[in-house]
Amino acid sequence: MGDDIPSDELNHAPEKGLHFGFPYCHGSTISDPQFGIKRTCDEFTPPAMELGAHVAPLGMRFYTGRMFPHKYRNQVFIAEHGSKGNS
């Protein structure tokens, strides 16, 4: 769609039946140029986090340990590969 859109996303599905927008919507607000005319982005469950464009998550781990500071506990670490990344 462009150099900086759409972002890859992390979705959280605590229950069955949630719809995150594909193929109608990308991220929380980007309507798909081909399919977006059929639905609006506000009809769908927004992503828990937008990861940025041109990244590819290679893996993720939920951290429950005590080695890192408390703010990292019960968070997710995402390893990414791509031409752009978030800091």
PDB file of N, CA and C in Angstrom:
ATOM      1  N   MET A   1       0.820  -1.191   0.000  1.00  0.00           N
ATOM      2  CA  MET A   1       0.000   0.000   0.000  1.00  0.00           C
ATOM      3  C   MET A   1       0.863   1.254   0.000  1.00  0.00           C
ATOM      4  N   GLY A   2       2.089   1.127   0.518  1.00  0.00           N
ATOM      5  CA  GLY A   2       2.974   2.279   0.558  1.00  0.00           C
ATOM      6  C   GLY A   2       4.227   1.942   1.346  1.00  0.00           C
ATOM      7  N   ASP A   3       5.132   2.908   1.447  1.00  0.00           N
ATOM      8  CA  ASP A   3       6.367   2.671   2.176  1.00  0.00           C
ATOM      9  C   ASP A   3       6.158   2.528   3.674  1.00  0.00           C
ATOM     10  N   ASP A   4       5.184   3.214   4.224  1.00  0.00           N
ATOM     11  CA  ASP A   4       4.999   3.221   5.670  1.00  0.00           C
ATOM     12  C   ASP A   4       3.664   2.663   6.135  1.00  0.00           C
ATOM     13  N   ILE A   5       2.880   2.110   5.233  1.00  0.00           N
ATOM     14  CA  ILE A   5       1.606   1.498   5.607  1.00  0.00           C
ATOM     15  C   ILE A   5       1.374   0.251   4.768  1.00  0.00           C
ATOM     16  N   PRO A   6       0.673  -0.713   5.252  1.00  0.00           N
ATOM     17  CA  PRO A   6       0.100  -0.796   6.584  1.00  0.00           C
ATOM     18  C   PRO A   6       1.087  -1.390   7.581  1.00  0.00           C
ATOM     19  N   SER A   7       0.818  -1.182   8.844  1.00  0.00           N
ATOM     20  CA  SER A   7       1.614  -1.785   9.903  1.00  0.00           C
ATOM     21  C   SER A   7       1.241  -3.250  10.068  1.00  0.00           C
ATOM     22  N   ASP A   8       2.206  -4.041  10.482  1.00  0.00           N
ATOM     23  CA  ASP A   8       1.868  -5.374  10.964  1.00  0.00           C
ATOM     24  C   ASP A   8       1.234  -5.160  12.327  1.00  0.00           C
ATOM     25  N   GLU A   9       0.567  -6.160  12.848  1.00  0.00           N
ATOM     26  CA  GLU A   9      -0.140  -5.940  14.097  1.00  0.00           C
ATOM     27  C   GLU A   9      -0.107  -7.156  15.013  1.00  0.00           C
ATOM     28  N   LEU A  10      -0.237  -6.868  16.277  1.00  0.00           N
ATOM     29  CA  LEU A  10      -0.383  -7.900  17.300  1.00  0.00           C
ATOM     30  C   LEU A  10      -1.833  -7.849  17.741  1.00  0.00           C
ATOM     31  N   ASN A  11      -2.519  -8.967  17.599  1.00  0.00           N
ATOM     32  CA  ASN A  11      -3.919  -9.038  17.998  1.00  0.00           C
ATOM     33  C   ASN A  11      -4.062  -9.864  19.265  1.00  0.00           C
ATOM     34  N   HIS A  12      -5.050  -9.518  20.064  1.00  0.00           N
ATOM     35  CA  HIS A  12      -5.344 -10.229  21.300  1.00  0.00           C
ATOM     36  C   HIS A  12      -6.763 -10.776  21.178  1.00  0.00           C
ATOM     37  N   ALA A  13      -6.893 -12.094  21.284  1.00  0.00           N
ATOM     38  CA  ALA A  13      -8.189 -12.743  21.114  1.00  0.00           C
ATOM     39  C   ALA A  13      -8.564 -13.525  22.369  1.00  0.00           C
ATOM     40  N   PRO A  14      -9.070 -12.845  23.402  1.00  0.00           N
ATOM     41  CA  PRO A  14      -9.427 -13.539  24.632  1.00  0.00           C
ATOM     42  C   PRO A  14     -10.731 -14.329  24.539  1.00  0.00           C
ATOM     43  N   GLU A  15     -11.431 -14.186  23.428  1.00  0.00           N
ATOM     44  CA  GLU A  15     -12.673 -14.933  23.245  1.00  0.00           C
ATOM     45  C   GLU A  15     -12.851 -15.296  21.781  1.00  0.00           C
ATOM     46  N   LYS A  16     -13.681 -16.301  21.522  1.00  0.00           N
ATOM     47  CA  LYS A  16     -13.972 -16.725  20.154  1.00  0.00           C
ATOM     48  C   LYS A  16     -14.790 -15.673  19.418  1.00  0.00           C
ATOM     49  N   GLY A  17     -14.641 -15.683  18.096  1.00  0.00           N
ATOM     50  CA  GLY A  17     -15.509 -14.881  17.251  1.00  0.00           C
ATOM     51  C   GLY A  17     -15.080 -13.452  16.981  1.00  0.00           C
ATOM     52  N   LEU A  18     -13.928 -13.032  17.492  1.00  0.00           N
ATOM     53  CA  LEU A  18     -13.471 -11.672  17.212  1.00  0.00           C
ATOM     54  C   LEU A  18     -12.989 -11.569  15.767  1.00  0.00           C
ATOM     55  N   HIS A  19     -13.210 -10.439  15.162  1.00  0.00           N
ATOM     56  CA  HIS A  19     -12.782 -10.197  13.780  1.00  0.00           C
ATOM     57  C   HIS A  19     -11.859  -8.992  13.811  1.00  0.00           C
ATOM     58  N   PHE A  20     -10.649  -9.147  13.274  1.00  0.00           N
ATOM     59  CA  PHE A  20      -9.643  -8.086  13.335  1.00  0.00           C
ATOM     60  C   PHE A  20      -9.554  -7.267  12.053  1.00  0.00           C
ATOM     61  N   GLY A  21     -10.488  -7.474  11.133  1.00  0.00           N
ATOM     62  CA  GLY A  21     -10.613  -6.582   9.996  1.00  0.00           C
ATOM     63  C   GLY A  21     -10.149  -7.081   8.642  1.00  0.00           C
ATOM     64  N   PHE A  22      -9.224  -8.040   8.596  1.00  0.00           N
ATOM     65  CA  PHE A  22      -8.713  -8.488   7.308  1.00  0.00           C
ATOM     66  C   PHE A  22      -9.807  -9.190   6.521  1.00  0.00           C
ATOM     67  N   PRO A  23     -10.001  -8.897   5.263  1.00  0.00           N
ATOM     68  CA  PRO A  23      -9.219  -8.066   4.347  1.00  0.00           C
ATOM     69  C   PRO A  23      -9.739  -6.643   4.208  1.00  0.00           C
ATOM     70  N   TYR A  24     -10.701  -6.242   5.022  1.00  0.00           N
ATOM     71  CA  TYR A  24     -11.335  -4.935   4.861  1.00  0.00           C
ATOM     72  C   TYR A  24     -10.533  -3.784   5.458  1.00  0.00           C
ATOM     73  N   CYS A  25      -9.814  -4.080   6.529  1.00  0.00           N
ATOM     74  CA  CYS A  25      -9.155  -3.030   7.286  1.00  0.00           C
ATOM     75  C   CYS A  25      -7.778  -3.509   7.741  1.00  0.00           C
ATOM     76  N   HIS A  26      -6.805  -2.615   7.736  1.00  0.00           N
ATOM     77  CA  HIS A  26      -5.447  -2.923   8.188  1.00  0.00           C
ATOM     78  C   HIS A  26      -5.144  -2.059   9.400  1.00  0.00           C
ATOM     79  N   GLY A  27      -4.621  -2.671  10.450  1.00  0.00           N
ATOM     80  CA  GLY A  27      -4.405  -1.914  11.675  1.00  0.00           C
ATOM     81  C   GLY A  27      -5.742  -1.472  12.232  1.00  0.00           C
ATOM     82  N   SER A  28      -5.761  -0.320  12.851  1.00  0.00           N
ATOM     83  CA  SER A  28      -7.010   0.139  13.448  1.00  0.00           C
ATOM     84  C   SER A  28      -7.770   1.133  12.574  1.00  0.00           C
ATOM     85  N   THR A  29      -7.105   1.703  11.551  1.00  0.00           N
ATOM     86  CA  THR A  29      -7.774   2.781  10.810  1.00  0.00           C
ATOM     87  C   THR A  29      -7.567   2.781   9.297  1.00  0.00           C
ATOM     88  N   ILE A  30      -6.818   1.842   8.751  1.00  0.00           N
ATOM     89  CA  ILE A  30      -6.495   1.907   7.317  1.00  0.00           C
ATOM     90  C   ILE A  30      -7.422   0.993   6.520  1.00  0.00           C
ATOM     91  N   SER A  31      -8.274   1.602   5.749  1.00  0.00           N
ATOM     92  CA  SER A  31      -9.220   0.870   4.924  1.00  0.00           C
ATOM     93  C   SER A  31      -8.493   0.276   3.719  1.00  0.00           C
ATOM     94  N   ASP A  32      -8.771  -0.979   3.398  1.00  0.00           N
ATOM     95  CA  ASP A  32      -8.147  -1.614   2.245  1.00  0.00           C
ATOM     96  C   ASP A  32      -8.673  -0.984   0.956  1.00  0.00           C
ATOM     97  N   PRO A  33      -7.782  -0.669   0.001  1.00  0.00           N
ATOM     98  CA  PRO A  33      -8.236   0.006  -1.224  1.00  0.00           C
ATOM     99  C   PRO A  33      -9.210  -0.831  -2.058  1.00  0.00           C
ATOM    100  N   GLN A  34      -9.121  -2.136  -1.989  1.00  0.00           N
ATOM    101  CA  GLN A  34     -10.014  -2.983  -2.788  1.00  0.00           C
ATOM    102  C   GLN A  34     -11.260  -3.411  -2.018  1.00  0.00           C
ATOM    103  N   PHE A  35     -11.098  -3.836  -0.775  1.00  0.00           N
ATOM    104  CA  PHE A  35     -12.216  -4.409  -0.026  1.00  0.00           C
ATOM    105  C   PHE A  35     -12.822  -3.466   1.012  1.00  0.00           C
ATOM    106  N   GLY A  36     -12.123  -2.394   1.350  1.00  0.00           N
ATOM    107  CA  GLY A  36     -12.559  -1.498   2.415  1.00  0.00           C
ATOM    108  C   GLY A  36     -13.864  -0.786   2.173  1.00  0.00           C
ATOM    109  N   ILE A  37     -14.283  -0.693   0.941  1.00  0.00           N
ATOM    110  CA  ILE A  37     -15.556  -0.021   0.645  1.00  0.00           C
ATOM    111  C   ILE A  37     -16.746  -0.792   1.214  1.00  0.00           C
ATOM    112  N   LYS A  38     -16.539  -2.083   1.481  1.00  0.00           N
ATOM    113  CA  LYS A  38     -17.631  -2.937   1.972  1.00  0.00           C
ATOM    114  C   LYS A  38     -17.856  -2.812   3.478  1.00  0.00           C
ATOM    115  N   ARG A  39     -16.830  -2.422   4.240  1.00  0.00           N
ATOM    116  CA  ARG A  39     -16.919  -2.359   5.702  1.00  0.00           C
ATOM    117  C   ARG A  39     -16.078  -1.192   6.213  1.00  0.00           C
ATOM    118  N   THR A  40     -16.329  -0.733   7.433  1.00  0.00           N
ATOM    119  CA  THR A  40     -15.519   0.319   8.038  1.00  0.00           C
ATOM    120  C   THR A  40     -14.660  -0.271   9.158  1.00  0.00           C
ATOM    121  N   CYS A  41     -13.523   0.355   9.415  1.00  0.00           N
ATOM    122  CA  CYS A  41     -12.581  -0.161  10.413  1.00  0.00           C
ATOM    123  C   CYS A  41     -13.162  -0.185  11.819  1.00  0.00           C
ATOM    124  N   ASP A  42     -14.083   0.711  12.123  1.00  0.00           N
ATOM    125  CA  ASP A  42     -14.632   0.738  13.479  1.00  0.00           C
ATOM    126  C   ASP A  42     -15.565  -0.440  13.770  1.00  0.00           C
ATOM    127  N   GLU A  43     -15.848  -1.271  12.773  1.00  0.00           N
ATOM    128  CA  GLU A  43     -16.655  -2.477  12.982  1.00  0.00           C
ATOM    129  C   GLU A  43     -15.842  -3.621  13.594  1.00  0.00           C
ATOM    130  N   PHE A  44     -14.514  -3.496  13.609  1.00  0.00           N
ATOM    131  CA  PHE A  44     -13.652  -4.612  13.976  1.00  0.00           C
ATOM    132  C   PHE A  44     -12.915  -4.373  15.279  1.00  0.00           C
ATOM    133  N   THR A  45     -12.397  -5.448  15.841  1.00  0.00           N
ATOM    134  CA  THR A  45     -11.578  -5.372  17.044  1.00  0.00           C
ATOM    135  C   THR A  45     -10.229  -4.771  16.663  1.00  0.00           C
ATOM    136  N   PRO A  46      -9.825  -3.664  17.280  1.00  0.00           N
ATOM    137  CA  PRO A  46      -8.535  -3.052  16.928  1.00  0.00           C
ATOM    138  C   PRO A  46      -7.365  -3.897  17.441  1.00  0.00           C
ATOM    139  N   PRO A  47      -6.206  -3.747  16.822  1.00  0.00           N
ATOM    140  CA  PRO A  47      -5.040  -4.500  17.289  1.00  0.00           C
ATOM    141  C   PRO A  47      -4.615  -4.046  18.683  1.00  0.00           C
ATOM    142  N   ALA A  48      -3.995  -4.957  19.415  1.00  0.00           N
ATOM    143  CA  ALA A  48      -3.437  -4.614  20.722  1.00  0.00           C
ATOM    144  C   ALA A  48      -2.243  -3.679  20.539  1.00  0.00           C
ATOM    145  N   MET A  49      -1.519  -3.873  19.418  1.00  0.00           N
ATOM    146  CA  MET A  49      -0.351  -3.033  19.130  1.00  0.00           C
ATOM    147  C   MET A  49      -0.074  -3.060  17.633  1.00  0.00           C
ATOM    148  N   GLU A  50       0.242  -1.907  17.079  1.00  0.00           N
ATOM    149  CA  GLU A  50       0.695  -1.842  15.689  1.00  0.00           C
ATOM    150  C   GLU A  50       2.215  -1.891  15.724  1.00  0.00           C
ATOM    151  N   LEU A  51       2.810  -2.787  14.946  1.00  0.00           N
ATOM    152  CA  LEU A  51       4.242  -3.066  15.023  1.00  0.00           C
ATOM    153  C   LEU A  51       5.085  -2.274  14.033  1.00  0.00           C
ATOM    154  N   GLY A  52       4.474  -1.606  13.115  1.00  0.00           N
ATOM    155  CA  GLY A  52       5.205  -0.859  12.106  1.00  0.00           C
ATOM    156  C   GLY A  52       5.162  -1.568  10.766  1.00  0.00           C
ATOM    157  N   ALA A  53       5.423  -0.800   9.724  1.00  0.00           N
ATOM    158  CA  ALA A  53       5.424  -1.357   8.367  1.00  0.00           C
ATOM    159  C   ALA A  53       6.756  -2.030   8.063  1.00  0.00           C
ATOM    160  N   HIS A  54       6.731  -2.969   7.159  1.00  0.00           N
ATOM    161  CA  HIS A  54       7.927  -3.652   6.661  1.00  0.00           C
ATOM    162  C   HIS A  54       8.699  -4.396   7.742  1.00  0.00           C
ATOM    163  N   VAL A  55       7.987  -4.941   8.692  1.00  0.00           N
ATOM    164  CA  VAL A  55       8.613  -5.813   9.681  1.00  0.00           C
ATOM    165  C   VAL A  55       7.931  -7.175   9.582  1.00  0.00           C
ATOM    166  N   ALA A  56       8.644  -8.182   9.981  1.00  0.00           N
ATOM    167  CA  ALA A  56       8.093  -9.530   9.980  1.00  0.00           C
ATOM    168  C   ALA A  56       8.393 -10.158  11.339  1.00  0.00           C
ATOM    169  N   PRO A  57       7.369 -10.360  12.160  1.00  0.00           N
ATOM    170  CA  PRO A  57       7.612 -11.013  13.438  1.00  0.00           C
ATOM    171  C   PRO A  57       8.125 -12.437  13.213  1.00  0.00           C
ATOM    172  N   LEU A  58       9.236 -12.733  13.833  1.00  0.00           N
ATOM    173  CA  LEU A  58       9.845 -14.058  13.708  1.00  0.00           C
ATOM    174  C   LEU A  58       9.476 -14.968  14.873  1.00  0.00           C
ATOM    175  N   GLY A  59       9.101 -14.368  15.974  1.00  0.00           N
ATOM    176  CA  GLY A  59       8.718 -15.137  17.143  1.00  0.00           C
ATOM    177  C   GLY A  59       8.384 -14.199  18.277  1.00  0.00           C
ATOM    178  N   MET A  60       7.700 -14.750  19.261  1.00  0.00           N
ATOM    179  CA  MET A  60       7.395 -13.949  20.443  1.00  0.00           C
ATOM    180  C   MET A  60       7.341 -14.839  21.659  1.00  0.00           C
ATOM    181  N   ARG A  61       7.646 -14.234  22.786  1.00  0.00           N
ATOM    182  CA  ARG A  61       7.634 -14.936  24.061  1.00  0.00           C
ATOM    183  C   ARG A  61       7.013 -14.027  25.107  1.00  0.00           C
ATOM    184  N   PHE A  62       6.166 -14.603  25.924  1.00  0.00           N
ATOM    185  CA  PHE A  62       5.601 -13.874  27.045  1.00  0.00           C
ATOM    186  C   PHE A  62       6.554 -14.015  28.220  1.00  0.00           C
ATOM    187  N   TYR A  63       6.909 -12.895  28.791  1.00  0.00           N
ATOM    188  CA  TYR A  63       7.904 -12.881  29.849  1.00  0.00           C
ATOM    189  C   TYR A  63       7.228 -12.883  31.220  1.00  0.00           C
ATOM    190  N   THR A  64       7.541 -13.881  32.016  1.00  0.00           N
ATOM    191  CA  THR A  64       6.991 -13.975  33.361  1.00  0.00           C
ATOM    192  C   THR A  64       8.090 -14.081  34.411  1.00  0.00           C
ATOM    193  N   GLY A  65       9.337 -13.924  33.983  1.00  0.00           N
ATOM    194  CA  GLY A  65      10.475 -14.083  34.881  1.00  0.00           C
ATOM    195  C   GLY A  65      10.699 -12.891  35.789  1.00  0.00           C
ATOM    196  N   ARG A  66      11.843 -12.901  36.447  1.00  0.00           N
ATOM    197  CA  ARG A  66      12.190 -11.833  37.388  1.00  0.00           C
ATOM    198  C   ARG A  66      13.578 -11.249  37.117  1.00  0.00           C
ATOM    199  N   MET A  67      14.185 -11.616  35.985  1.00  0.00           N
ATOM    200  CA  MET A  67      15.525 -11.144  35.679  1.00  0.00           C
ATOM    201  C   MET A  67      15.537  -9.674  35.231  1.00  0.00           C
ATOM    202  N   PHE A  68      14.507  -9.254  34.483  1.00  0.00           N
ATOM    203  CA  PHE A  68      14.413  -7.878  33.995  1.00  0.00           C
ATOM    204  C   PHE A  68      13.559  -7.053  34.960  1.00  0.00           C
ATOM    205  N   PRO A  69      13.591  -5.729  34.830  1.00  0.00           N
ATOM    206  CA  PRO A  69      12.768  -4.884  35.702  1.00  0.00           C
ATOM    207  C   PRO A  69      11.285  -5.265  35.657  1.00  0.00           C
ATOM    208  N   HIS A  70      10.576  -4.931  36.709  1.00  0.00           N
ATOM    209  CA  HIS A  70       9.175  -5.308  36.882  1.00  0.00           C
ATOM    210  C   HIS A  70       8.283  -4.897  35.699  1.00  0.00           C
ATOM    211  N   LYS A  71       8.583  -3.744  35.073  1.00  0.00           N
ATOM    212  CA  LYS A  71       7.722  -3.266  33.978  1.00  0.00           C
ATOM    213  C   LYS A  71       7.679  -4.237  32.791  1.00  0.00           C
ATOM    214  N   TYR A  72       8.640  -5.151  32.680  1.00  0.00           N
ATOM    215  CA  TYR A  72       8.663  -6.126  31.589  1.00  0.00           C
ATOM    216  C   TYR A  72       7.874  -7.398  31.913  1.00  0.00           C
ATOM    217  N   ARG A  73       7.556  -7.604  33.172  1.00  0.00           N
ATOM    218  CA  ARG A  73       6.877  -8.826  33.580  1.00  0.00           C
ATOM    219  C   ARG A  73       5.465  -8.876  32.990  1.00  0.00           C
ATOM    220  N   ASN A  74       5.089 -10.034  32.503  1.00  0.00           N
ATOM    221  CA  ASN A  74       3.787 -10.278  31.877  1.00  0.00           C
ATOM    222  C   ASN A  74       3.584  -9.460  30.604  1.00  0.00           C
ATOM    223  N   GLN A  75       4.683  -9.152  29.936  1.00  0.00           N
ATOM    224  CA  GLN A  75       4.653  -8.469  28.646  1.00  0.00           C
ATOM    225  C   GLN A  75       5.150  -9.436  27.581  1.00  0.00           C
ATOM    226  N   VAL A  76       5.040  -9.037  26.329  1.00  0.00           N
ATOM    227  CA  VAL A  76       5.496  -9.884  25.228  1.00  0.00           C
ATOM    228  C   VAL A  76       6.751  -9.280  24.601  1.00  0.00           C
ATOM    229  N   PHE A  77       7.723 -10.129  24.308  1.00  0.00           N
ATOM    230  CA  PHE A  77       8.906  -9.758  23.539  1.00  0.00           C
ATOM    231  C   PHE A  77       8.678 -10.279  22.131  1.00  0.00           C
ATOM    232  N   ILE A  78       8.826  -9.415  21.133  1.00  0.00           N
ATOM    233  CA  ILE A  78       8.615  -9.813  19.741  1.00  0.00           C
ATOM    234  C   ILE A  78       9.917  -9.610  18.978  1.00  0.00           C
ATOM    235  N   ALA A  79      10.436 -10.687  18.393  1.00  0.00           N
ATOM    236  CA  ALA A  79      11.614 -10.595  17.534  1.00  0.00           C
ATOM    237  C   ALA A  79      11.140 -10.284  16.125  1.00  0.00           C
ATOM    238  N   GLU A  80      11.710  -9.249  15.526  1.00  0.00           N
ATOM    239  CA  GLU A  80      11.287  -8.812  14.198  1.00  0.00           C
ATOM    240  C   GLU A  80      12.449  -8.836  13.214  1.00  0.00           C
ATOM    241  N   HIS A  81      12.094  -9.058  11.965  1.00  0.00           N
ATOM    242  CA  HIS A  81      13.046  -8.970  10.862  1.00  0.00           C
ATOM    243  C   HIS A  81      12.401  -8.071   9.832  1.00  0.00           C
ATOM    244  N   GLY A  82      13.143  -7.159   9.277  1.00  0.00           N
ATOM    245  CA  GLY A  82      12.571  -6.325   8.232  1.00  0.00           C
ATOM    246  C   GLY A  82      13.455  -5.128   7.939  1.00  0.00           C
ATOM    247  N   SER A  83      12.985  -4.320   7.004  1.00  0.00           N
ATOM    248  CA  SER A  83      13.762  -3.165   6.591  1.00  0.00           C
ATOM    249  C   SER A  83      13.559  -1.972   7.507  1.00  0.00           C
ATOM    250  N   LYS A  84      12.511  -1.996   8.303  1.00  0.00           N
ATOM    251  CA  LYS A  84      12.249  -0.921   9.260  1.00  0.00           C
ATOM    252  C   LYS A  84      11.829  -1.582  10.569  1.00  0.00           C
ATOM    253  N   GLY A  85      12.063  -0.914  11.664  1.00  0.00           N
ATOM    254  CA  GLY A  85      11.642  -1.449  12.947  1.00  0.00           C
ATOM    255  C   GLY A  85      11.321  -0.355  13.931  1.00  0.00           C
ATOM    256  N   ASN A  86      10.666  -0.725  14.988  1.00  0.00           N
ATOM    257  CA  ASN A  86      10.331   0.221  16.053  1.00  0.00           C
ATOM    258  C   ASN A  86      11.398   0.160  17.123  1.00  0.00           C
ATOM    259  N   SER A  87      11.609   1.252  17.799  1.00  0.00           N
ATOM    260  CA  SER A  87      12.560   1.295  18.907  1.00  0.00           C
ATOM    261  C   SER A  87      11.845   1.033  20.197  1.00  0.00           C
TER     262      SER A  87
END
